[in-house]
Amino acid sequence: VEVDRQDAVLAINEACDNSVRQLCFGDQGEVEVVARLVIGVNDRRIVAVVRDEGGRPRAGSGGGTWLTIVNACMDRVRIRPAHGGTSVTMTSRPVPLRVDA
């Protein structure tokens, strides 16, 4: 459970870092991070969205490393254009709800 939480935090951090780097390369805009805990009948997940106004993710010079890390840490990752920038939606692996006997 702790490892899954750490993976989610690492993935969100990598996506945020990538967005900030986009802005440092001359793009202007803001980075928005929204995360929520989704509790189902038997498990829970973290769903996080990182949106920026900096255009598409750039490849080259290690630019794809963040995405490799995000994909390794999360159950689902979706990248798509959003409002003049990019939106990265990440869903963690399901963690069973604790059942106290």
N, C-alpha and C. Protein backbone atom coordinates (compact mmCIF):
# COMPACT_ATOMS: atom_id res chain seq x y z
N VAL A 1 0.83 -1.18 0.00
CA VAL A 1 0.00 0.00 0.00
C VAL A 1 0.88 1.26 0.00
N GLU A 2 1.91 1.27 0.84
CA GLU A 2 2.82 2.42 0.89
C GLU A 2 3.56 2.59 -0.43
N VAL A 3 3.95 1.47 -1.05
CA VAL A 3 4.65 1.53 -2.34
C VAL A 3 3.74 2.13 -3.41
N ASP A 4 2.47 1.75 -3.41
CA ASP A 4 1.54 2.31 -4.39
C ASP A 4 1.36 3.80 -4.21
N ARG A 5 1.32 4.26 -2.96
CA ARG A 5 1.20 5.70 -2.69
C ARG A 5 2.45 6.43 -3.17
N GLN A 6 3.61 5.86 -2.88
CA GLN A 6 4.87 6.47 -3.32
C GLN A 6 4.96 6.50 -4.84
N ASP A 7 4.50 5.44 -5.51
CA ASP A 7 4.48 5.43 -6.98
C ASP A 7 3.60 6.54 -7.52
N ALA A 8 2.43 6.74 -6.92
CA ALA A 8 1.52 7.79 -7.39
C ALA A 8 2.15 9.16 -7.19
N VAL A 9 2.77 9.38 -6.04
CA VAL A 9 3.42 10.67 -5.78
C VAL A 9 4.55 10.91 -6.77
N LEU A 10 5.36 9.87 -7.05
CA LEU A 10 6.45 10.01 -8.02
C LEU A 10 5.90 10.34 -9.41
N ALA A 11 4.86 9.65 -9.84
CA ALA A 11 4.29 9.89 -11.17
C ALA A 11 3.75 11.32 -11.29
N ILE A 12 3.03 11.78 -10.28
CA ILE A 12 2.48 13.13 -10.30
C ILE A 12 3.62 14.16 -10.33
N ASN A 13 4.65 13.91 -9.55
CA ASN A 13 5.81 14.79 -9.54
C ASN A 13 6.47 14.85 -10.92
N GLU A 14 6.65 13.72 -11.57
CA GLU A 14 7.28 13.69 -12.90
C GLU A 14 6.44 14.45 -13.93
N ALA A 15 5.13 14.27 -13.89
CA ALA A 15 4.26 14.99 -14.83
C ALA A 15 4.31 16.50 -14.57
N CYS A 16 4.33 16.89 -13.31
CA CYS A 16 4.45 18.33 -12.97
C CYS A 16 5.79 18.88 -13.44
N ASP A 17 6.86 18.14 -13.17
CA ASP A 17 8.20 18.58 -13.58
C ASP A 17 8.26 18.77 -15.09
N ASN A 18 7.66 17.85 -15.84
CA ASN A 18 7.66 17.97 -17.30
C ASN A 18 6.92 19.24 -17.73
N SER A 19 5.79 19.52 -17.10
CA SER A 19 5.03 20.72 -17.46
C SER A 19 5.81 21.99 -17.16
N VAL A 20 6.47 22.03 -16.00
CA VAL A 20 7.27 23.20 -15.64
C VAL A 20 8.43 23.37 -16.63
N ARG A 21 9.06 22.27 -17.02
CA ARG A 21 10.15 22.34 -18.00
C ARG A 21 9.66 22.90 -19.34
N GLN A 22 8.43 22.54 -19.72
CA GLN A 22 7.85 23.08 -20.95
C GLN A 22 7.83 24.61 -20.88
N LEU A 23 7.44 25.13 -19.74
CA LEU A 23 7.35 26.58 -19.58
C LEU A 23 8.73 27.21 -19.56
N CYS A 24 9.73 26.50 -19.05
CA CYS A 24 11.10 27.03 -19.00
C CYS A 24 11.73 27.12 -20.39
N PHE A 25 11.20 26.35 -21.36
CA PHE A 25 11.74 26.38 -22.71
C PHE A 25 11.10 27.47 -23.56
N GLY A 26 10.45 28.42 -22.92
CA GLY A 26 9.93 29.56 -23.65
C GLY A 26 8.43 29.62 -23.77
N ASP A 27 7.74 28.50 -23.51
CA ASP A 27 6.29 28.55 -23.53
C ASP A 27 5.82 29.31 -22.29
N GLN A 28 4.68 29.93 -22.41
CA GLN A 28 4.13 30.66 -21.27
C GLN A 28 2.82 30.01 -20.87
N GLY A 29 2.46 30.18 -19.63
CA GLY A 29 1.20 29.63 -19.17
C GLY A 29 1.29 29.13 -17.75
N GLU A 30 0.28 28.41 -17.36
CA GLU A 30 0.18 27.90 -16.01
C GLU A 30 0.15 26.39 -16.01
N VAL A 31 0.47 25.81 -14.85
CA VAL A 31 0.35 24.38 -14.63
C VAL A 31 -0.69 24.19 -13.53
N GLU A 32 -1.65 23.33 -13.80
CA GLU A 32 -2.71 23.04 -12.83
C GLU A 32 -2.66 21.56 -12.47
N VAL A 33 -2.75 21.27 -11.17
CA VAL A 33 -2.75 19.89 -10.70
C VAL A 33 -4.01 19.67 -9.88
N VAL A 34 -4.77 18.65 -10.26
CA VAL A 34 -5.98 18.29 -9.52
C VAL A 34 -5.89 16.79 -9.25
N ALA A 35 -6.02 16.41 -7.98
CA ALA A 35 -5.98 14.99 -7.61
C ALA A 35 -7.17 14.68 -6.72
N ARG A 36 -7.67 13.47 -6.86
CA ARG A 36 -8.77 13.05 -6.00
C ARG A 36 -8.62 11.58 -5.66
N LEU A 37 -9.16 11.21 -4.54
CA LEU A 37 -9.19 9.82 -4.11
C LEU A 37 -10.55 9.27 -4.49
N VAL A 38 -10.56 8.23 -5.29
CA VAL A 38 -11.81 7.61 -5.73
C VAL A 38 -11.97 6.30 -4.96
N ILE A 39 -13.03 6.21 -4.17
CA ILE A 39 -13.26 5.03 -3.36
C ILE A 39 -14.40 4.22 -3.99
N GLY A 40 -14.06 2.99 -4.33
CA GLY A 40 -15.04 2.08 -4.90
C GLY A 40 -15.58 1.14 -3.84
N VAL A 41 -16.29 0.11 -4.26
CA VAL A 41 -16.86 -0.85 -3.33
C VAL A 41 -15.77 -1.64 -2.61
N ASN A 42 -14.73 -2.05 -3.37
CA ASN A 42 -13.69 -2.91 -2.80
C ASN A 42 -12.30 -2.30 -2.77
N ASP A 43 -12.12 -1.16 -3.43
CA ASP A 43 -10.78 -0.60 -3.50
C ASP A 43 -10.82 0.91 -3.64
N ARG A 44 -9.64 1.49 -3.66
CA ARG A 44 -9.53 2.94 -3.84
C ARG A 44 -8.39 3.20 -4.82
N ARG A 45 -8.47 4.34 -5.49
CA ARG A 45 -7.46 4.77 -6.45
C ARG A 45 -7.25 6.26 -6.33
N ILE A 46 -6.08 6.71 -6.75
CA ILE A 46 -5.81 8.13 -6.89
C ILE A 46 -5.93 8.46 -8.38
N VAL A 47 -6.69 9.48 -8.69
CA VAL A 47 -6.78 9.98 -10.06
C VAL A 47 -6.25 11.41 -10.03
N ALA A 48 -5.21 11.66 -10.82
CA ALA A 48 -4.59 12.99 -10.85
C ALA A 48 -4.53 13.49 -12.28
N VAL A 49 -4.77 14.78 -12.44
CA VAL A 49 -4.70 15.42 -13.76
C VAL A 49 -3.72 16.58 -13.65
N VAL A 50 -2.74 16.60 -14.55
CA VAL A 50 -1.80 17.72 -14.66
C VAL A 50 -2.06 18.38 -16.01
N ARG A 51 -2.45 19.65 -15.97
CA ARG A 51 -2.73 20.40 -17.20
C ARG A 51 -1.74 21.55 -17.32
N ASP A 52 -1.26 21.76 -18.54
CA ASP A 52 -0.41 22.92 -18.75
C ASP A 52 -0.84 23.62 -20.03
N GLU A 53 -0.31 24.79 -20.23
CA GLU A 53 -0.59 25.59 -21.43
C GLU A 53 0.64 25.67 -22.30
N GLY A 54 1.52 24.68 -22.18
CA GLY A 54 2.81 24.74 -22.85
C GLY A 54 2.94 23.93 -24.11
N GLY A 55 1.87 23.43 -24.69
CA GLY A 55 1.98 22.67 -25.92
C GLY A 55 2.20 21.20 -25.66
N ARG A 56 2.49 20.47 -26.74
CA ARG A 56 2.68 19.02 -26.64
C ARG A 56 3.98 18.69 -25.92
N PRO A 57 4.04 17.52 -25.24
CA PRO A 57 5.29 17.11 -24.60
C PRO A 57 6.41 16.99 -25.62
N ARG A 58 7.60 17.43 -25.24
CA ARG A 58 8.75 17.39 -26.15
C ARG A 58 9.56 16.12 -25.94
N ALA A 59 10.06 15.56 -27.01
CA ALA A 59 10.93 14.39 -26.93
C ALA A 59 12.37 14.85 -27.09
N GLY A 60 13.29 13.93 -26.85
CA GLY A 60 14.71 14.24 -27.01
C GLY A 60 15.34 14.71 -25.73
N SER A 61 16.62 14.53 -25.62
CA SER A 61 17.42 14.91 -24.45
C SER A 61 16.76 14.51 -23.13
N GLY A 62 16.30 13.26 -23.08
CA GLY A 62 15.69 12.75 -21.85
C GLY A 62 14.26 13.18 -21.67
N GLY A 63 13.66 13.82 -22.65
CA GLY A 63 12.30 14.33 -22.51
C GLY A 63 11.25 13.26 -22.35
N GLY A 64 11.53 12.04 -22.79
CA GLY A 64 10.56 10.97 -22.65
C GLY A 64 10.69 10.18 -21.37
N THR A 65 11.74 10.46 -20.59
CA THR A 65 11.97 9.72 -19.35
C THR A 65 10.81 9.87 -18.38
N TRP A 66 10.28 11.06 -18.27
CA TRP A 66 9.16 11.30 -17.35
C TRP A 66 7.99 10.39 -17.67
N LEU A 67 7.70 10.20 -18.96
CA LEU A 67 6.56 9.39 -19.37
C LEU A 67 6.81 7.91 -19.07
N THR A 68 8.03 7.45 -19.23
CA THR A 68 8.38 6.07 -18.88
C THR A 68 8.13 5.84 -17.40
N ILE A 69 8.55 6.79 -16.57
CA ILE A 69 8.35 6.68 -15.12
C ILE A 69 6.87 6.70 -14.78
N VAL A 70 6.12 7.62 -15.37
CA VAL A 70 4.69 7.72 -15.10
C VAL A 70 3.98 6.43 -15.48
N ASN A 71 4.29 5.90 -16.65
CA ASN A 71 3.66 4.65 -17.08
C ASN A 71 4.00 3.48 -16.17
N ALA A 72 5.22 3.45 -15.65
CA ALA A 72 5.63 2.37 -14.75
C ALA A 72 4.95 2.47 -13.39
N CYS A 73 4.64 3.68 -12.97
CA CYS A 73 4.10 3.90 -11.63
C CYS A 73 2.58 3.85 -11.55
N MET A 74 1.90 4.08 -12.66
CA MET A 74 0.44 4.20 -12.63
C MET A 74 -0.22 3.08 -13.44
N ASP A 75 -1.47 2.83 -13.14
CA ASP A 75 -2.24 1.80 -13.84
C ASP A 75 -2.66 2.27 -15.23
N ARG A 76 -3.10 3.52 -15.31
CA ARG A 76 -3.54 4.09 -16.60
C ARG A 76 -3.00 5.51 -16.74
N VAL A 77 -2.59 5.84 -17.96
CA VAL A 77 -2.10 7.18 -18.26
C VAL A 77 -2.70 7.61 -19.59
N ARG A 78 -3.27 8.81 -19.62
CA ARG A 78 -3.84 9.34 -20.86
C ARG A 78 -3.30 10.75 -21.07
N ILE A 79 -2.76 11.00 -22.26
CA ILE A 79 -2.25 12.32 -22.62
C ILE A 79 -3.07 12.83 -23.79
N ARG A 80 -3.55 14.06 -23.66
CA ARG A 80 -4.32 14.63 -24.78
C ARG A 80 -4.24 16.14 -24.75
N PRO A 81 -4.47 16.75 -25.91
CA PRO A 81 -4.49 18.22 -25.98
C PRO A 81 -5.64 18.76 -25.12
N ALA A 82 -5.39 19.90 -24.48
CA ALA A 82 -6.42 20.50 -23.63
C ALA A 82 -6.20 22.00 -23.52
N HIS A 83 -7.14 22.78 -24.03
CA HIS A 83 -7.15 24.24 -23.86
C HIS A 83 -5.80 24.88 -24.20
N GLY A 84 -5.26 24.57 -25.37
CA GLY A 84 -4.02 25.19 -25.80
C GLY A 84 -2.78 24.58 -25.18
N GLY A 85 -2.92 23.49 -24.49
CA GLY A 85 -1.77 22.84 -23.86
C GLY A 85 -1.95 21.34 -23.86
N THR A 86 -1.56 20.72 -22.77
CA THR A 86 -1.63 19.27 -22.65
C THR A 86 -2.23 18.89 -21.32
N SER A 87 -3.01 17.81 -21.32
CA SER A 87 -3.59 17.27 -20.10
C SER A 87 -3.10 15.83 -19.94
N VAL A 88 -2.53 15.53 -18.78
CA VAL A 88 -2.08 14.18 -18.47
C VAL A 88 -2.94 13.67 -17.32
N THR A 89 -3.72 12.62 -17.58
CA THR A 89 -4.57 12.02 -16.56
C THR A 89 -3.96 10.70 -16.15
N MET A 90 -3.72 10.54 -14.85
CA MET A 90 -3.06 9.35 -14.32
C MET A 90 -3.96 8.70 -13.28
N THR A 91 -4.12 7.38 -13.39
CA THR A 91 -4.92 6.63 -12.43
C THR A 91 -4.03 5.57 -11.79
N SER A 92 -3.98 5.57 -10.46
CA SER A 92 -3.13 4.63 -9.75
C SER A 92 -3.69 3.21 -9.82
N ARG A 93 -2.85 2.26 -9.44
CA ARG A 93 -3.31 0.90 -9.31
C ARG A 93 -4.31 0.84 -8.16
N PRO A 94 -5.29 -0.07 -8.25
CA PRO A 94 -6.27 -0.17 -7.16
C PRO A 94 -5.62 -0.69 -5.88
N VAL A 95 -6.02 -0.12 -4.76
CA VAL A 95 -5.56 -0.56 -3.45
C VAL A 95 -6.80 -1.06 -2.69
N PRO A 96 -6.76 -2.30 -2.21
CA PRO A 96 -7.92 -2.83 -1.51
C PRO A 96 -8.27 -1.99 -0.27
N LEU A 97 -9.56 -1.85 -0.03
CA LEU A 97 -10.00 -1.19 1.19
C LEU A 97 -9.68 -2.09 2.37
N ARG A 98 -9.29 -1.47 3.46
CA ARG A 98 -8.98 -2.25 4.67
C ARG A 98 -10.28 -2.74 5.29
N VAL A 99 -10.32 -4.01 5.59
CA VAL A 99 -11.49 -4.59 6.24
C VAL A 99 -11.05 -5.06 7.61
N ASP A 100 -11.54 -4.39 8.64
CA ASP A 100 -11.19 -4.79 10.02
C ASP A 100 -12.15 -5.87 10.48
N ALA A 101 -11.60 -6.93 11.01
CA ALA A 101 -12.42 -8.06 11.47
C ALA A 101 -12.96 -7.80 12.86
